[in-house]
């Protein structure tokens, strides 16, 4: 039995290596298509290696015996995000075709949610898969905010940095690690971030319109995070509040009363 477990674990790790290989193929295609420079190549390769290393470690710690179809979809999205990241890095040196960047981003956004549906239909939903999906989404938003900020200003970086700032704040305020109730509004706002940044980055609208779209995305994100932070704070205060004396069981009252 131990032999089978080891063999399955190796197969799982091999799938992450295949993902890194596909990422290199995507970078090679981009390099051939647009003549991507060293900045794009280095950034893309760092992304590929970092994704492989982090995901391999997470899989090892989770003990999953199979990678699963849903995680394969997410890994495919991650390779697209790696391509977008390389193009954005290259844009600081030369101007890559906007249509190519928009196309890769659009496909990555369209596939968002597909992995969740696949996981539910195949009964392969896992905490690792959900976290993997969330991290890919968050990084894509960060990269898009960097790209859009070059045209609209550094304030756009707040969109991509907000989730990471929340995670950093949770290290100093542990109550931020509390579980949040499911929320359709939160999911909708999160999905709109990528769409709004894609619209602003495509540069098809006038500057004022692009500015307004990005500002709307930031406003909705501030509202969503603010609502969740307030809920977590109030919940933590209720849990930490000691029970009133009158509510204590009778057996705890002094004898003779």
C-alpha atoms as a PDB file:
ATOM      1  CA  UNK A   1       0.000   0.000   0.000  1.00  0.00           C
ATOM      2  CA  UNK A   2       2.844   2.359   0.800  1.00  0.00           C
ATOM      3  CA  UNK A   3       4.271   1.684  -2.657  1.00  0.00           C
ATOM      4  CA  UNK A   4       0.995   2.734  -4.290  1.00  0.00           C
ATOM      5  CA  UNK A   5       0.849   5.927  -2.222  1.00  0.00           C
ATOM      6  CA  UNK A   6       4.387   6.824  -3.230  1.00  0.00           C
ATOM      7  CA  UNK A   7       3.649   6.134  -6.887  1.00  0.00           C
ATOM      8  CA  UNK A   8       0.515   8.280  -6.827  1.00  0.00           C
ATOM      9  CA  UNK A   9       2.374  11.084  -5.108  1.00  0.00           C
ATOM     10  CA  UNK A  10       4.990  11.030  -7.850  1.00  0.00           C
ATOM     11  CA  UNK A  11       2.284  11.243 -10.498  1.00  0.00           C
ATOM     12  CA  UNK A  12       0.807  14.280  -8.741  1.00  0.00           C
ATOM     13  CA  UNK A  13       4.197  15.993  -8.656  1.00  0.00           C
ATOM     14  CA  UNK A  14       4.757  15.142 -12.311  1.00  0.00           C
ATOM     15  CA  UNK A  15       1.625  17.063 -13.264  1.00  0.00           C
ATOM     16  CA  UNK A  16       3.027  20.241 -11.712  1.00  0.00           C
ATOM     17  CA  UNK A  17       6.234  19.700 -13.698  1.00  0.00           C
ATOM     18  CA  UNK A  18       4.164  19.314 -16.864  1.00  0.00           C
ATOM     19  CA  UNK A  19       2.482  22.615 -16.006  1.00  0.00           C
ATOM     20  CA  UNK A  20       5.889  24.302 -15.768  1.00  0.00           C
ATOM     21  CA  UNK A  21       6.815  22.769 -19.118  1.00  0.00           C
ATOM     22  CA  UNK A  22       3.628  24.098 -20.731  1.00  0.00           C
ATOM     23  CA  UNK A  23       4.429  27.520 -19.266  1.00  0.00           C
ATOM     24  CA  UNK A  24       7.804  27.470 -21.013  1.00  0.00           C
ATOM     25  CA  UNK A  25       6.072  26.518 -24.273  1.00  0.00           C
ATOM     26  CA  UNK A  26       3.719  29.501 -23.861  1.00  0.00           C
ATOM     27  CA  UNK A  27       6.711  31.785 -23.299  1.00  0.00           C
ATOM     28  CA  UNK A  28       8.440  30.335 -26.353  1.00  0.00           C
ATOM     29  CA  UNK A  29       5.339  31.006 -28.439  1.00  0.00           C
ATOM     30  CA  UNK A  30       5.161  34.584 -27.165  1.00  0.00           C
ATOM     31  CA  UNK A  31       8.856  35.091 -27.809  1.00  0.00           C
ATOM     32  CA  UNK A  32       8.470  33.849 -31.370  1.00  0.00           C
ATOM     33  CA  UNK A  33       5.278  35.804 -32.034  1.00  0.00           C
ATOM     34  CA  UNK A  34       6.348  39.218 -30.738  1.00  0.00           C
ATOM     35  CA  UNK A  35      10.080  38.957 -30.130  1.00  0.00           C
ATOM     36  CA  UNK A  36       9.702  39.211 -26.362  1.00  0.00           C
ATOM     37  CA  UNK A  37      12.732  40.717 -24.648  1.00  0.00           C
ATOM     38  CA  UNK A  38      14.798  39.555 -21.644  1.00  0.00           C
ATOM     39  CA  UNK A  39      12.472  41.246 -19.112  1.00  0.00           C
ATOM     40  CA  UNK A  40       9.506  39.199 -20.283  1.00  0.00           C
ATOM     41  CA  UNK A  41      11.502  35.970 -20.499  1.00  0.00           C
ATOM     42  CA  UNK A  42      13.029  36.295 -17.036  1.00  0.00           C
ATOM     43  CA  UNK A  43       9.723  37.267 -15.424  1.00  0.00           C
ATOM     44  CA  UNK A  44       7.883  34.433 -17.136  1.00  0.00           C
ATOM     45  CA  UNK A  45      10.486  31.853 -16.149  1.00  0.00           C
ATOM     46  CA  UNK A  46      10.507  33.062 -12.539  1.00  0.00           C
ATOM     47  CA  UNK A  47       6.724  32.759 -12.503  1.00  0.00           C
ATOM     48  CA  UNK A  48       6.905  29.209 -13.880  1.00  0.00           C
ATOM     49  CA  UNK A  49       9.508  28.060 -11.351  1.00  0.00           C
ATOM     50  CA  UNK A  50       7.761  29.776  -8.424  1.00  0.00           C
ATOM     51  CA  UNK A  51       4.386  28.269  -9.366  1.00  0.00           C
ATOM     52  CA  UNK A  52       5.895  24.798  -9.676  1.00  0.00           C
ATOM     53  CA  UNK A  53       7.745  25.079  -6.344  1.00  0.00           C
ATOM     54  CA  UNK A  54       4.846  26.496  -4.328  1.00  0.00           C
ATOM     55  CA  UNK A  55       2.274  24.137  -5.804  1.00  0.00           C
ATOM     56  CA  UNK A  56       4.515  21.081  -5.363  1.00  0.00           C
ATOM     57  CA  UNK A  57       5.078  21.945  -1.719  1.00  0.00           C
ATOM     58  CA  UNK A  58       1.363  22.519  -1.146  1.00  0.00           C
ATOM     59  CA  UNK A  59       0.482  19.192  -2.778  1.00  0.00           C
ATOM     60  CA  UNK A  60       3.062  17.368  -0.687  1.00  0.00           C
ATOM     61  CA  UNK A  61       1.700  18.884   2.525  1.00  0.00           C
ATOM     62  CA  UNK A  62      -1.924  18.208   1.579  1.00  0.00           C
ATOM     63  CA  UNK A  63      -1.287  14.525   0.871  1.00  0.00           C
ATOM     64  CA  UNK A  64      -3.520  14.488  -2.234  1.00  0.00           C
ATOM     65  CA  UNK A  65      -3.093  11.246  -4.182  1.00  0.00           C
ATOM     66  CA  UNK A  66      -4.502  12.657  -7.432  1.00  0.00           C
ATOM     67  CA  UNK A  67      -4.199  16.108  -8.952  1.00  0.00           C
ATOM     68  CA  UNK A  68      -7.772  16.147 -10.194  1.00  0.00           C
ATOM     69  CA  UNK A  69      -9.443  17.595 -13.303  1.00  0.00           C
ATOM     70  CA  UNK A  70     -10.384  20.877 -11.606  1.00  0.00           C
ATOM     71  CA  UNK A  71      -6.785  21.566 -10.585  1.00  0.00           C
ATOM     72  CA  UNK A  72      -5.714  20.873 -14.166  1.00  0.00           C
ATOM     73  CA  UNK A  73      -8.062  23.630 -15.349  1.00  0.00           C
ATOM     74  CA  UNK A  74      -6.646  25.992 -12.725  1.00  0.00           C
ATOM     75  CA  UNK A  75      -3.112  25.067 -13.728  1.00  0.00           C
ATOM     76  CA  UNK A  76      -4.012  25.865 -17.327  1.00  0.00           C
ATOM     77  CA  UNK A  77      -5.273  29.254 -16.197  1.00  0.00           C
ATOM     78  CA  UNK A  78      -2.031  29.755 -14.294  1.00  0.00           C
ATOM     79  CA  UNK A  79      -0.017  29.248 -17.483  1.00  0.00           C
ATOM     80  CA  UNK A  80      -2.109  31.948 -19.175  1.00  0.00           C
ATOM     81  CA  UNK A  81      -1.519  34.251 -16.210  1.00  0.00           C
ATOM     82  CA  UNK A  82       2.203  33.532 -16.570  1.00  0.00           C
ATOM     83  CA  UNK A  83       1.992  34.656 -20.177  1.00  0.00           C
ATOM     84  CA  UNK A  84       0.164  37.842 -19.179  1.00  0.00           C
ATOM     85  CA  UNK A  85       2.792  38.486 -16.495  1.00  0.00           C
ATOM     86  CA  UNK A  86       5.599  38.125 -19.038  1.00  0.00           C
ATOM     87  CA  UNK A  87       3.870  40.513 -21.453  1.00  0.00           C
ATOM     88  CA  UNK A  88       3.310  43.109 -18.730  1.00  0.00           C
ATOM     89  CA  UNK A  89       6.970  42.904 -17.693  1.00  0.00           C
ATOM     90  CA  UNK A  90       8.012  43.257 -21.330  1.00  0.00           C
ATOM     91  CA  UNK A  91       5.737  46.289 -21.734  1.00  0.00           C
ATOM     92  CA  UNK A  92       8.105  48.363 -19.573  1.00  0.00           C
ATOM     93  CA  UNK A  93      10.783  47.911 -22.245  1.00  0.00           C
ATOM     94  CA  UNK A  94       8.776  47.606 -25.444  1.00  0.00           C
ATOM     95  CA  UNK A  95       5.095  47.743 -26.298  1.00  0.00           C
ATOM     96  CA  UNK A  96       3.655  44.243 -26.842  1.00  0.00           C
ATOM     97  CA  UNK A  97       0.477  43.910 -28.933  1.00  0.00           C
ATOM     98  CA  UNK A  98      -2.415  44.935 -26.705  1.00  0.00           C
ATOM     99  CA  UNK A  99      -4.665  42.470 -28.515  1.00  0.00           C
ATOM    100  CA  UNK A 100      -2.444  39.569 -27.456  1.00  0.00           C
ATOM    101  CA  UNK A 101      -2.407  40.642 -23.816  1.00  0.00           C
ATOM    102  CA  UNK A 102      -6.172  41.203 -23.861  1.00  0.00           C
ATOM    103  CA  UNK A 103      -6.749  37.833 -25.530  1.00  0.00           C
ATOM    104  CA  UNK A 104      -4.762  35.845 -22.955  1.00  0.00           C
ATOM    105  CA  UNK A 105      -6.408  37.740 -20.108  1.00  0.00           C
ATOM    106  CA  UNK A 106      -9.893  37.251 -21.527  1.00  0.00           C
ATOM    107  CA  UNK A 107      -9.418  33.482 -21.812  1.00  0.00           C
ATOM    108  CA  UNK A 108      -8.056  33.309 -18.260  1.00  0.00           C
ATOM    109  CA  UNK A 109     -11.079  35.248 -16.978  1.00  0.00           C
ATOM    110  CA  UNK A 110     -13.533  33.128 -18.962  1.00  0.00           C
ATOM    111  CA  UNK A 111     -12.050  29.963 -17.464  1.00  0.00           C
ATOM    112  CA  UNK A 112     -12.484  31.386 -13.963  1.00  0.00           C
ATOM    113  CA  UNK A 113     -15.334  29.421 -12.435  1.00  0.00           C
ATOM    114  CA  UNK A 114     -14.946  26.499 -14.815  1.00  0.00           C
ATOM    115  CA  UNK A 115     -12.578  24.772 -12.401  1.00  0.00           C
ATOM    116  CA  UNK A 116     -15.129  25.157  -9.607  1.00  0.00           C
ATOM    117  CA  UNK A 117     -17.894  23.643 -11.715  1.00  0.00           C
ATOM    118  CA  UNK A 118     -15.615  20.771 -12.741  1.00  0.00           C
ATOM    119  CA  UNK A 119     -14.699  20.143  -9.097  1.00  0.00           C
ATOM    120  CA  UNK A 120     -18.357  19.997  -8.040  1.00  0.00           C
ATOM    121  CA  UNK A 121     -19.426  17.762 -10.916  1.00  0.00           C
ATOM    122  CA  UNK A 122     -16.572  15.314 -10.395  1.00  0.00           C
ATOM    123  CA  UNK A 123     -16.730  15.425  -6.589  1.00  0.00           C
ATOM    124  CA  UNK A 124     -13.093  16.537  -6.356  1.00  0.00           C
ATOM    125  CA  UNK A 125     -13.506  19.792  -4.420  1.00  0.00           C
ATOM    126  CA  UNK A 126     -10.623  20.341  -1.985  1.00  0.00           C
ATOM    127  CA  UNK A 127      -9.372  23.176   0.202  1.00  0.00           C
ATOM    128  CA  UNK A 128      -6.129  23.181  -1.786  1.00  0.00           C
ATOM    129  CA  UNK A 129      -8.000  23.529  -5.074  1.00  0.00           C
ATOM    130  CA  UNK A 130     -10.017  26.470  -3.764  1.00  0.00           C
ATOM    131  CA  UNK A 131      -6.865  28.164  -2.473  1.00  0.00           C
ATOM    132  CA  UNK A 132      -5.029  27.521  -5.749  1.00  0.00           C
ATOM    133  CA  UNK A 133      -7.890  29.084  -7.701  1.00  0.00           C
ATOM    134  CA  UNK A 134      -7.990  32.114  -5.403  1.00  0.00           C
ATOM    135  CA  UNK A 135      -4.242  32.711  -5.616  1.00  0.00           C
ATOM    136  CA  UNK A 136      -4.266  32.561  -9.416  1.00  0.00           C
ATOM    137  CA  UNK A 137      -7.130  35.086  -9.490  1.00  0.00           C
ATOM    138  CA  UNK A 138      -5.407  37.403  -7.019  1.00  0.00           C
ATOM    139  CA  UNK A 139      -2.118  37.379  -8.917  1.00  0.00           C
ATOM    140  CA  UNK A 140      -3.836  38.087 -12.238  1.00  0.00           C
ATOM    141  CA  UNK A 141      -5.561  41.115 -10.678  1.00  0.00           C
ATOM    142  CA  UNK A 142      -2.214  42.296  -9.295  1.00  0.00           C
ATOM    143  CA  UNK A 143      -0.516  42.009 -12.700  1.00  0.00           C
ATOM    144  CA  UNK A 144      -3.385  43.754 -14.488  1.00  0.00           C
ATOM    145  CA  UNK A 145      -3.351  46.578 -11.942  1.00  0.00           C
ATOM    146  CA  UNK A 146       0.368  47.071 -12.598  1.00  0.00           C
ATOM    147  CA  UNK A 147      -0.296  47.279 -16.329  1.00  0.00           C
ATOM    148  CA  UNK A 148      -3.240  49.685 -16.045  1.00  0.00           C
ATOM    149  CA  UNK A 149      -1.391  51.865 -13.507  1.00  0.00           C
ATOM    150  CA  UNK A 150       1.131  52.863 -16.169  1.00  0.00           C
ATOM    151  CA  UNK A 151      -1.663  54.677 -18.008  1.00  0.00           C
ATOM    152  CA  UNK A 152      -3.996  55.786 -15.221  1.00  0.00           C
ATOM    153  CA  UNK A 153      -1.647  56.325 -12.291  1.00  0.00           C
ATOM    154  CA  UNK A 154      -0.221  54.409  -9.317  1.00  0.00           C
ATOM    155  CA  UNK A 155      -3.516  54.538  -7.408  1.00  0.00           C
ATOM    156  CA  UNK A 156      -4.696  51.587  -9.535  1.00  0.00           C
ATOM    157  CA  UNK A 157      -2.132  49.420  -7.721  1.00  0.00           C
ATOM    158  CA  UNK A 158      -4.448  49.526  -4.703  1.00  0.00           C
ATOM    159  CA  UNK A 159      -6.759  47.135  -6.541  1.00  0.00           C
ATOM    160  CA  UNK A 160      -4.121  44.457  -6.926  1.00  0.00           C
ATOM    161  CA  UNK A 161      -2.451  45.031  -3.573  1.00  0.00           C
ATOM    162  CA  UNK A 162      -5.574  45.040  -1.396  1.00  0.00           C
ATOM    163  CA  UNK A 163      -5.877  41.296  -0.982  1.00  0.00           C
ATOM    164  CA  UNK A 164      -2.185  40.950  -0.114  1.00  0.00           C
ATOM    165  CA  UNK A 165      -2.459  43.832   2.349  1.00  0.00           C
ATOM    166  CA  UNK A 166      -5.380  42.022   3.984  1.00  0.00           C
ATOM    167  CA  UNK A 167      -3.303  38.839   4.337  1.00  0.00           C
ATOM    168  CA  UNK A 168      -0.395  40.826   5.804  1.00  0.00           C
ATOM    169  CA  UNK A 169      -2.705  42.611   8.253  1.00  0.00           C
ATOM    170  CA  UNK A 170      -4.044  39.255   9.457  1.00  0.00           C
ATOM    171  CA  UNK A 171      -0.596  38.454  10.854  1.00  0.00           C
ATOM    172  CA  UNK A 172      -0.956  41.333  13.303  1.00  0.00           C
ATOM    173  CA  UNK A 173      -4.732  41.046  13.785  1.00  0.00           C
ATOM    174  CA  UNK A 174      -5.529  37.309  13.955  1.00  0.00           C
ATOM    175  CA  UNK A 175      -9.264  37.972  14.048  1.00  0.00           C
ATOM    176  CA  UNK A 176      -9.007  38.755  10.319  1.00  0.00           C
ATOM    177  CA  UNK A 177      -8.386  35.026   9.759  1.00  0.00           C
ATOM    178  CA  UNK A 178     -11.947  34.223  10.784  1.00  0.00           C
ATOM    179  CA  UNK A 179     -14.226  32.348   8.390  1.00  0.00           C
ATOM    180  CA  UNK A 180     -16.507  34.550   6.323  1.00  0.00           C
ATOM    181  CA  UNK A 181     -20.045  33.493   5.374  1.00  0.00           C
ATOM    182  CA  UNK A 182     -20.695  32.802   1.675  1.00  0.00           C
ATOM    183  CA  UNK A 183     -21.541  35.974  -0.238  1.00  0.00           C
ATOM    184  CA  UNK A 184     -22.735  36.404  -3.805  1.00  0.00           C
ATOM    185  CA  UNK A 185     -21.870  40.102  -3.591  1.00  0.00           C
ATOM    186  CA  UNK A 186     -18.248  39.293  -2.667  1.00  0.00           C
ATOM    187  CA  UNK A 187     -17.908  36.878  -5.597  1.00  0.00           C
ATOM    188  CA  UNK A 188     -19.462  39.380  -7.986  1.00  0.00           C
ATOM    189  CA  UNK A 189     -17.145  42.190  -6.901  1.00  0.00           C
ATOM    190  CA  UNK A 190     -14.123  39.896  -7.194  1.00  0.00           C
ATOM    191  CA  UNK A 191     -15.117  38.867 -10.726  1.00  0.00           C
ATOM    192  CA  UNK A 192     -15.674  42.494 -11.745  1.00  0.00           C
ATOM    193  CA  UNK A 193     -12.099  43.443 -10.853  1.00  0.00           C
ATOM    194  CA  UNK A 194     -10.620  41.446 -13.708  1.00  0.00           C
ATOM    195  CA  UNK A 195     -13.285  42.596 -16.161  1.00  0.00           C
ATOM    196  CA  UNK A 196     -12.885  46.270 -15.262  1.00  0.00           C
ATOM    197  CA  UNK A 197      -9.101  46.128 -15.438  1.00  0.00           C
ATOM    198  CA  UNK A 198      -9.281  44.281 -18.749  1.00  0.00           C
ATOM    199  CA  UNK A 199     -11.564  46.979 -20.181  1.00  0.00           C
ATOM    200  CA  UNK A 200      -9.303  49.759 -18.905  1.00  0.00           C
ATOM    201  CA  UNK A 201      -6.179  47.970 -20.147  1.00  0.00           C
ATOM    202  CA  UNK A 202      -7.609  47.360 -23.613  1.00  0.00           C
ATOM    203  CA  UNK A 203      -7.597  51.131 -24.088  1.00  0.00           C
ATOM    204  CA  UNK A 204     -10.647  51.041 -26.359  1.00  0.00           C
ATOM    205  CA  UNK A 205     -12.430  53.785 -24.432  1.00  0.00           C
ATOM    206  CA  UNK A 206     -11.481  57.414 -23.853  1.00  0.00           C
ATOM    207  CA  UNK A 207      -9.135  58.146 -20.961  1.00  0.00           C
ATOM    208  CA  UNK A 208     -11.949  59.492 -18.770  1.00  0.00           C
ATOM    209  CA  UNK A 209     -14.011  56.333 -19.309  1.00  0.00           C
ATOM    210  CA  UNK A 210     -11.067  54.048 -18.510  1.00  0.00           C
ATOM    211  CA  UNK A 211     -10.374  56.111 -15.395  1.00  0.00           C
ATOM    212  CA  UNK A 212     -14.006  55.787 -14.336  1.00  0.00           C
ATOM    213  CA  UNK A 213     -14.065  52.019 -14.905  1.00  0.00           C
ATOM    214  CA  UNK A 214     -10.932  51.498 -12.799  1.00  0.00           C
ATOM    215  CA  UNK A 215     -12.244  53.848 -10.117  1.00  0.00           C
ATOM    216  CA  UNK A 216     -15.510  51.911  -9.999  1.00  0.00           C
ATOM    217  CA  UNK A 217     -13.571  48.677  -9.522  1.00  0.00           C
ATOM    218  CA  UNK A 218     -11.590  50.177  -6.657  1.00  0.00           C
ATOM    219  CA  UNK A 219     -14.697  51.592  -5.007  1.00  0.00           C
ATOM    220  CA  UNK A 220     -16.504  48.253  -5.129  1.00  0.00           C
ATOM    221  CA  UNK A 221     -13.446  46.461  -3.777  1.00  0.00           C
ATOM    222  CA  UNK A 222     -13.113  48.900  -0.881  1.00  0.00           C
ATOM    223  CA  UNK A 223     -16.780  48.381  -0.070  1.00  0.00           C
ATOM    224  CA  UNK A 224     -16.464  44.580  -0.210  1.00  0.00           C
ATOM    225  CA  UNK A 225     -13.315  44.422   1.931  1.00  0.00           C
ATOM    226  CA  UNK A 226     -14.678  47.011   4.344  1.00  0.00           C
ATOM    227  CA  UNK A 227     -17.875  45.043   4.839  1.00  0.00           C
ATOM    228  CA  UNK A 228     -15.972  41.805   5.462  1.00  0.00           C
ATOM    229  CA  UNK A 229     -13.503  43.433   7.863  1.00  0.00           C
ATOM    230  CA  UNK A 230     -16.357  44.978   9.836  1.00  0.00           C
ATOM    231  CA  UNK A 231     -18.156  41.625  10.000  1.00  0.00           C
ATOM    232  CA  UNK A 232     -15.011  39.833  11.187  1.00  0.00           C
ATOM    233  CA  UNK A 233     -14.359  42.505  13.814  1.00  0.00           C
ATOM    234  CA  UNK A 234     -17.887  42.364  15.201  1.00  0.00           C
ATOM    235  CA  UNK A 235     -17.820  38.563  15.216  1.00  0.00           C
ATOM    236  CA  UNK A 236     -14.499  38.496  17.065  1.00  0.00           C
ATOM    237  CA  UNK A 237     -15.866  40.907  19.693  1.00  0.00           C
ATOM    238  CA  UNK A 238     -18.902  38.711  20.287  1.00  0.00           C
ATOM    239  CA  UNK A 239     -16.768  35.581  20.680  1.00  0.00           C
ATOM    240  CA  UNK A 240     -14.305  37.293  22.998  1.00  0.00           C
ATOM    241  CA  UNK A 241     -16.993  38.873  25.199  1.00  0.00           C
ATOM    242  CA  UNK A 242     -17.399  36.964  28.514  1.00  0.00           C
ATOM    243  CA  UNK A 243     -20.801  35.579  29.353  1.00  0.00           C
ATOM    244  CA  UNK A 244     -22.853  37.734  31.798  1.00  0.00           C
ATOM    245  CA  UNK A 245     -23.011  36.518  35.405  1.00  0.00           C
ATOM    246  CA  UNK A 246     -26.779  36.148  35.259  1.00  0.00           C
ATOM    247  CA  UNK A 247     -26.430  33.655  32.429  1.00  0.00           C
ATOM    248  CA  UNK A 248     -24.084  31.321  34.347  1.00  0.00           C
ATOM    249  CA  UNK A 249     -25.465  27.906  35.338  1.00  0.00           C
ATOM    250  CA  UNK A 250     -26.949  27.581  38.836  1.00  0.00           C
ATOM    251  CA  UNK A 251     -24.351  24.962  39.812  1.00  0.00           C
ATOM    252  CA  UNK A 252     -21.691  27.701  39.647  1.00  0.00           C
ATOM    253  CA  UNK A 253     -23.454  29.911  42.179  1.00  0.00           C
ATOM    254  CA  UNK A 254     -22.148  29.921  45.783  1.00  0.00           C
ATOM    255  CA  UNK A 255     -23.689  27.323  48.128  1.00  0.00           C
ATOM    256  CA  UNK A 256     -26.557  28.549  50.315  1.00  0.00           C
ATOM    257  CA  UNK A 257     -28.162  30.742  47.703  1.00  0.00           C
END
